[in-house]
């Protein structure tokens, strides 16, 4: 099969597409991959900066969509089923083997390209908003980095859960993308604190979704209403911020870690519980991932470079078949 491999830990340019043996299925579900989502962990792995560090060469790719070729008798899917899946590794290939509890049925109306954009980002923000923030309908959510894959997923899901959403984006194009995803207002990284104050009549927002980190962090804290929650999802800005905990006392605010992978690693059934909650929203089109760019498998390095340079608008997806 053809697959994109990280050959050295020198960034996206180290990715090469080659013919390699198909994976050993064991007791996993074998999927013929039609599309694969490109995620920030994939980019980090090209430099050996992700927590999981396999030795090169290896095939990255955390999320896919395709057709089941074969499945164990006790799996919830069968050969021929259209599915999305979360292999965690190995998805940038024509075929992947995935544990059955990380394989999910697809509504007929959802394309493979859209489905490949769901597992990592939407399950992460579902965990963040529904469980870690305990988001309630009518609350206000401010989303940092709202023009990227995690950001657009957070905007869309927060709006679907009944929240009012402020999207923080770095360009007019990304602001328009966020509005199409469901944002009620947009702001730039330089004025989001003032925008949050104006939008909420001076009260502040109930939740901040932050996959960016860096120098926005302090103003994100200052944007919170009493009992507000700041969700720490990642650090695409590169800098891991620190917090003076006395700030948390002033308005009874909280900084909440969102370690989705660490949570479900010991609760494997949680993945299917999440999918079952999202499935009706996918089937009805309430959740419809904004795909900003598609690239063939041969151009995996280009796709990762787009993510690296933050030129992506929405989700980047590899079309494999």
Protein backbone atom coordinates (compact mmCIF):
# COMPACT_ATOMS: atom_id res chain seq x y z
CA UNK A 1 0.00 0.00 0.00
CA UNK A 2 1.02 3.64 -0.37
CA UNK A 3 1.61 5.60 2.80
CA UNK A 4 3.16 8.88 3.94
CA UNK A 5 6.05 8.30 6.33
CA UNK A 6 7.97 10.60 8.64
CA UNK A 7 11.52 9.62 7.74
CA UNK A 8 13.48 12.01 9.98
CA UNK A 9 12.45 14.44 12.70
CA UNK A 10 13.13 17.57 10.66
CA UNK A 11 9.64 18.91 10.12
CA UNK A 12 7.09 18.47 7.31
CA UNK A 13 9.75 18.35 4.62
CA UNK A 14 10.90 15.00 6.02
CA UNK A 15 7.66 13.28 4.94
CA UNK A 16 7.97 10.84 2.05
CA UNK A 17 5.30 8.76 0.31
CA UNK A 18 6.36 5.15 -0.24
CA UNK A 19 5.05 1.63 -0.83
CA UNK A 20 5.05 -0.30 2.44
CA UNK A 21 3.42 -3.53 3.68
CA UNK A 22 -0.17 -3.35 4.84
CA UNK A 23 -0.64 -3.36 8.63
CA UNK A 24 -1.10 -6.59 10.54
CA UNK A 25 -4.82 -6.68 11.29
CA UNK A 26 -4.74 -8.92 14.36
CA UNK A 27 -8.14 -8.51 16.03
CA UNK A 28 -8.59 -4.95 14.72
CA UNK A 29 -10.96 -3.53 12.12
CA UNK A 30 -9.29 -3.14 8.72
CA UNK A 31 -10.34 0.05 6.92
CA UNK A 32 -9.68 1.08 3.33
CA UNK A 33 -8.97 4.76 3.85
CA UNK A 34 -10.69 7.31 1.61
CA UNK A 35 -9.73 10.46 3.56
CA UNK A 36 -7.52 11.37 6.52
CA UNK A 37 -7.62 14.45 8.70
CA UNK A 38 -4.43 16.44 9.28
CA UNK A 39 -3.97 17.40 12.94
CA UNK A 40 -1.56 19.38 15.08
CA UNK A 41 -0.20 16.21 16.74
CA UNK A 42 0.76 14.95 13.25
CA UNK A 43 2.75 18.15 12.74
CA UNK A 44 4.43 17.89 16.15
CA UNK A 45 5.44 14.31 15.36
CA UNK A 46 7.43 15.49 12.32
CA UNK A 47 9.77 17.18 14.82
CA UNK A 48 9.60 14.61 17.61
CA UNK A 49 7.72 17.08 19.82
CA UNK A 50 4.57 15.08 20.54
CA UNK A 51 4.33 12.98 23.71
CA UNK A 52 4.14 9.79 21.66
CA UNK A 53 7.47 9.47 19.84
CA UNK A 54 7.84 6.41 17.61
CA UNK A 55 11.18 5.92 15.90
CA UNK A 56 11.29 6.94 12.21
CA UNK A 57 10.28 5.87 9.73
CA UNK A 58 6.64 5.67 10.75
CA UNK A 59 3.24 6.56 9.33
CA UNK A 60 1.43 9.39 11.15
CA UNK A 61 -2.30 10.06 10.91
CA UNK A 62 -4.70 10.13 13.84
CA UNK A 63 -8.11 10.19 12.13
CA UNK A 64 -9.58 8.65 8.99
CA UNK A 65 -12.76 7.86 7.14
CA UNK A 66 -13.35 4.99 4.76
CA UNK A 67 -14.91 1.60 4.22
CA UNK A 68 -14.50 -1.46 6.43
CA UNK A 69 -12.70 -4.25 4.60
CA UNK A 70 -12.80 -6.77 7.46
CA UNK A 71 -13.86 -6.80 11.10
CA UNK A 72 -13.84 -9.26 14.01
CA UNK A 73 -17.16 -10.97 14.71
CA UNK A 74 -17.62 -9.03 17.95
CA UNK A 75 -16.99 -5.61 16.38
CA UNK A 76 -19.89 -3.11 16.07
CA UNK A 77 -19.22 -2.71 12.32
CA UNK A 78 -19.13 -5.07 9.35
CA UNK A 79 -17.36 -5.30 6.01
CA UNK A 80 -18.72 -2.66 3.64
CA UNK A 81 -19.74 -0.20 6.35
CA UNK A 82 -18.86 3.47 5.93
CA UNK A 83 -17.00 4.60 9.04
CA UNK A 84 -14.87 7.24 10.70
CA UNK A 85 -12.08 6.05 12.97
CA UNK A 86 -9.40 7.21 15.37
CA UNK A 87 -6.32 5.04 14.78
CA UNK A 88 -4.05 7.48 16.65
CA UNK A 89 -1.22 6.54 14.26
CA UNK A 90 -0.97 5.09 10.79
CA UNK A 91 -3.85 6.94 9.15
CA UNK A 92 -1.89 8.55 6.31
CA UNK A 93 -2.09 5.34 4.29
CA UNK A 94 -4.37 3.46 1.93
CA UNK A 95 -5.23 0.92 4.63
CA UNK A 96 -5.22 1.09 8.42
CA UNK A 97 -6.04 -1.31 11.25
CA UNK A 98 -7.98 0.25 14.14
CA UNK A 99 -9.27 -1.18 17.45
CA UNK A 100 -13.00 -1.73 17.11
CA UNK A 101 -13.88 0.64 19.96
CA UNK A 102 -12.32 3.52 17.99
CA UNK A 103 -14.36 2.87 14.82
CA UNK A 104 -17.64 4.75 14.39
CA UNK A 105 -20.60 4.46 11.98
CA UNK A 106 -21.24 7.30 9.57
CA UNK A 107 -24.57 8.84 8.62
CA UNK A 108 -25.23 8.34 4.91
CA UNK A 109 -25.25 12.07 4.24
CA UNK A 110 -21.74 12.69 5.61
CA UNK A 111 -18.95 12.52 3.03
CA UNK A 112 -15.64 10.81 3.72
CA UNK A 113 -13.87 14.18 3.47
CA UNK A 114 -16.10 15.71 6.14
CA UNK A 115 -16.01 12.58 8.30
CA UNK A 116 -12.21 12.57 8.39
CA UNK A 117 -12.37 16.00 10.02
CA UNK A 118 -14.46 14.82 12.96
CA UNK A 119 -12.72 12.34 15.33
CA UNK A 120 -9.82 14.33 16.78
CA UNK A 121 -11.24 17.85 16.84
CA UNK A 122 -14.92 17.28 17.52
CA UNK A 123 -14.43 14.60 20.17
CA UNK A 124 -11.83 16.81 21.86
CA UNK A 125 -14.07 19.88 21.98
CA UNK A 126 -17.07 17.76 22.99
CA UNK A 127 -15.05 16.53 25.98
CA UNK A 128 -13.94 20.12 26.66
CA UNK A 129 -17.32 21.80 26.46
CA UNK A 130 -19.72 19.12 27.65
CA UNK A 131 -17.67 17.46 30.38
CA UNK A 132 -14.83 19.73 31.49
CA UNK A 133 -16.71 23.04 31.23
CA UNK A 134 -20.21 21.63 31.85
CA UNK A 135 -21.44 24.17 29.30
CA UNK A 136 -25.06 25.24 29.67
CA UNK A 137 -27.36 26.62 27.00
CA UNK A 138 -27.39 30.41 27.07
CA UNK A 139 -23.80 30.77 28.25
CA UNK A 140 -21.23 32.72 26.24
CA UNK A 141 -18.13 31.04 24.80
CA UNK A 142 -15.06 32.79 23.41
CA UNK A 143 -12.98 30.63 21.06
CA UNK A 144 -9.32 31.45 20.41
CA UNK A 145 -7.84 30.31 17.09
CA UNK A 146 -11.36 30.04 15.71
CA UNK A 147 -10.23 29.82 12.09
CA UNK A 148 -8.40 26.51 12.51
CA UNK A 149 -9.61 22.94 12.79
CA UNK A 150 -10.06 22.80 16.58
CA UNK A 151 -11.39 26.35 16.63
CA UNK A 152 -14.07 25.86 14.00
CA UNK A 153 -15.12 22.61 15.71
CA UNK A 154 -15.44 24.46 19.02
CA UNK A 155 -17.46 27.28 17.45
CA UNK A 156 -19.82 24.86 15.74
CA UNK A 157 -20.37 22.56 18.70
CA UNK A 158 -20.75 25.39 21.23
CA UNK A 159 -23.41 26.99 19.04
CA UNK A 160 -25.13 23.61 18.61
CA UNK A 161 -25.23 23.23 22.40
CA UNK A 162 -27.05 26.56 22.72
CA UNK A 163 -24.18 28.90 23.57
CA UNK A 164 -23.52 32.38 22.19
CA UNK A 165 -20.09 32.32 20.54
CA UNK A 166 -17.37 34.92 20.00
CA UNK A 167 -14.71 33.77 17.53
CA UNK A 168 -11.17 35.16 17.71
CA UNK A 169 -9.44 34.98 14.33
CA UNK A 170 -6.36 36.47 12.70
CA UNK A 171 -7.91 37.53 9.37
CA UNK A 172 -11.14 38.62 7.75
CA UNK A 173 -11.27 35.36 5.78
CA UNK A 174 -11.02 33.28 8.92
CA UNK A 175 -13.62 35.48 10.62
CA UNK A 176 -16.03 34.75 7.78
CA UNK A 177 -15.31 31.03 8.13
CA UNK A 178 -16.06 31.24 11.86
CA UNK A 179 -19.35 33.03 11.19
CA UNK A 180 -20.34 30.29 8.76
CA UNK A 181 -19.52 27.77 11.50
CA UNK A 182 -21.99 29.50 13.82
CA UNK A 183 -20.15 32.36 15.55
CA UNK A 184 -22.41 35.21 16.69
CA UNK A 185 -19.54 37.72 16.80
CA UNK A 186 -15.88 37.87 15.78
CA UNK A 187 -12.81 39.67 17.09
CA UNK A 188 -9.11 39.93 16.34
CA UNK A 189 -6.33 38.77 18.69
CA UNK A 190 -5.67 42.41 19.54
CA UNK A 191 -9.19 43.42 20.57
CA UNK A 192 -10.95 40.28 21.81
CA UNK A 193 -11.02 41.41 25.44
CA UNK A 194 -12.89 44.61 24.54
CA UNK A 195 -15.14 42.68 22.18
CA UNK A 196 -16.02 40.18 24.91
CA UNK A 197 -16.86 43.00 27.30
CA UNK A 198 -19.08 44.73 24.75
CA UNK A 199 -20.83 41.52 23.66
CA UNK A 200 -21.69 40.54 27.23
CA UNK A 201 -22.62 44.01 28.50
CA UNK A 202 -19.51 44.14 30.65
CA UNK A 203 -20.10 40.81 32.42
CA UNK A 204 -17.49 38.73 30.62
CA UNK A 205 -17.71 35.33 28.96
CA UNK A 206 -18.53 32.09 30.74
CA UNK A 207 -16.04 29.90 28.88
CA UNK A 208 -12.86 30.48 26.88
CA UNK A 209 -11.69 27.70 24.57
CA UNK A 210 -7.93 28.09 24.14
CA UNK A 211 -5.97 25.84 21.77
CA UNK A 212 -3.43 28.65 21.21
CA UNK A 213 -1.77 29.61 24.51
CA UNK A 214 1.01 32.17 24.23
CA UNK A 215 0.52 35.83 25.06
CA UNK A 216 -3.29 35.76 24.76
CA UNK A 217 -3.66 33.72 27.92
CA UNK A 218 -3.74 36.54 30.48
CA UNK A 219 -6.31 38.56 28.55
CA UNK A 220 -8.37 35.39 28.15
CA UNK A 221 -8.47 35.11 31.94
CA UNK A 222 -9.42 38.77 32.21
CA UNK A 223 -12.28 38.18 29.77
CA UNK A 224 -14.02 35.69 32.06
CA UNK A 225 -17.20 36.41 33.97
CA UNK A 226 -17.48 35.38 37.64
CA UNK A 227 -17.22 31.59 37.84
CA UNK A 228 -15.93 31.48 34.26
CA UNK A 229 -13.79 28.62 32.96
CA UNK A 230 -10.75 28.79 30.69
CA UNK A 231 -10.24 25.51 28.83
CA UNK A 232 -6.58 24.74 28.06
CA UNK A 233 -6.54 22.54 24.96
CA UNK A 234 -3.13 23.19 23.39
CA UNK A 235 -0.35 25.58 22.55
CA UNK A 236 -0.24 26.20 18.82
CA UNK A 237 1.47 29.54 19.51
CA UNK A 238 4.41 27.54 20.83
CA UNK A 239 4.64 29.18 24.25
CA UNK A 240 3.14 27.46 27.30
CA UNK A 241 1.75 30.26 29.49
CA UNK A 242 1.79 30.43 33.26
CA UNK A 243 -0.86 31.80 35.59
CA UNK A 244 -0.61 33.68 38.88
CA UNK A 245 -3.14 31.78 40.88
CA UNK A 246 -4.25 34.85 42.83
CA UNK A 247 -6.05 35.87 39.61
CA UNK A 248 -8.32 32.87 40.06
CA UNK A 249 -9.52 34.12 43.45
CA UNK A 250 -10.74 37.51 42.30
CA UNK A 251 -13.79 36.31 40.38
CA UNK A 252 -13.83 32.63 41.34
CA UNK A 253 -12.61 31.66 37.90
CA UNK A 254 -10.98 28.37 36.90
CA UNK A 255 -8.29 27.20 34.51
CA UNK A 256 -9.34 23.73 33.34
CA UNK A 257 -7.08 21.23 31.62
CA UNK A 258 -8.50 19.35 28.64
CA UNK A 259 -6.59 16.09 28.28
CA UNK A 260 -9.03 14.15 26.10
CA UNK A 261 -6.58 11.36 25.26
CA UNK A 262 -5.52 10.88 28.88
CA UNK A 263 -9.18 10.63 29.89
CA UNK A 264 -10.39 8.01 27.42
CA UNK A 265 -7.18 5.96 27.55
CA UNK A 266 -8.51 4.28 30.71
CA UNK A 267 -12.20 4.58 29.72
CA UNK A 268 -12.27 3.23 26.17
CA UNK A 269 -16.07 3.06 26.16
CA UNK A 270 -16.18 6.86 26.42
CA UNK A 271 -15.26 7.26 22.73
CA UNK A 272 -18.42 5.50 21.59
CA UNK A 273 -20.50 7.40 24.16
CA UNK A 274 -19.24 10.65 22.65
CA UNK A 275 -19.91 9.50 19.10
CA UNK A 276 -23.45 8.47 20.00
CA UNK A 277 -24.08 12.01 21.29
CA UNK A 278 -22.64 13.64 18.17
CA UNK A 279 -24.18 11.26 15.63
CA UNK A 280 -27.63 12.94 15.48
CA UNK A 281 -25.98 16.33 14.98
CA UNK A 282 -23.88 14.93 12.13
CA UNK A 283 -26.89 13.23 10.56
CA UNK A 284 -28.92 16.45 10.69
CA UNK A 285 -26.08 18.59 9.36
CA UNK A 286 -25.88 20.65 12.55
CA UNK A 287 -22.24 19.59 12.72
CA UNK A 288 -20.58 20.00 9.32
CA UNK A 289 -16.80 20.42 9.55
CA UNK A 290 -15.54 23.39 7.51
CA UNK A 291 -12.87 21.82 5.31
CA UNK A 292 -10.48 24.52 4.14
CA UNK A 293 -8.19 22.49 1.90
CA UNK A 294 -7.79 18.99 0.52
CA UNK A 295 -4.56 17.43 -0.75
CA UNK A 296 -3.76 14.06 -2.28
CA UNK A 297 -1.69 11.65 -0.21
CA UNK A 298 1.33 12.49 -2.37
CA UNK A 299 1.19 16.08 -1.06
CA UNK A 300 1.17 15.23 2.65
CA UNK A 301 4.24 17.39 3.27
CA UNK A 302 2.46 20.38 1.72
CA UNK A 303 -0.61 19.79 3.89
CA UNK A 304 1.50 19.67 7.04
CA UNK A 305 3.36 22.82 5.98
CA UNK A 306 0.05 24.68 5.64
CA UNK A 307 -0.74 23.72 9.21
CA UNK A 308 2.77 24.70 10.32
CA UNK A 309 2.55 28.18 8.78
CA UNK A 310 -1.03 28.73 9.99
CA UNK A 311 -2.18 29.43 6.47
CA UNK A 312 -4.96 26.85 6.80
CA UNK A 313 -8.54 28.10 6.97
CA UNK A 314 -10.61 25.38 8.58
CA UNK A 315 -9.65 21.72 8.48
CA UNK A 316 -7.02 20.20 6.15
CA UNK A 317 -7.85 16.75 4.78
CA UNK A 318 -5.86 14.25 2.70
CA UNK A 319 -7.83 12.50 -0.03
CA UNK A 320 -6.42 8.98 -0.23
CA UNK A 321 -8.79 7.25 -2.67
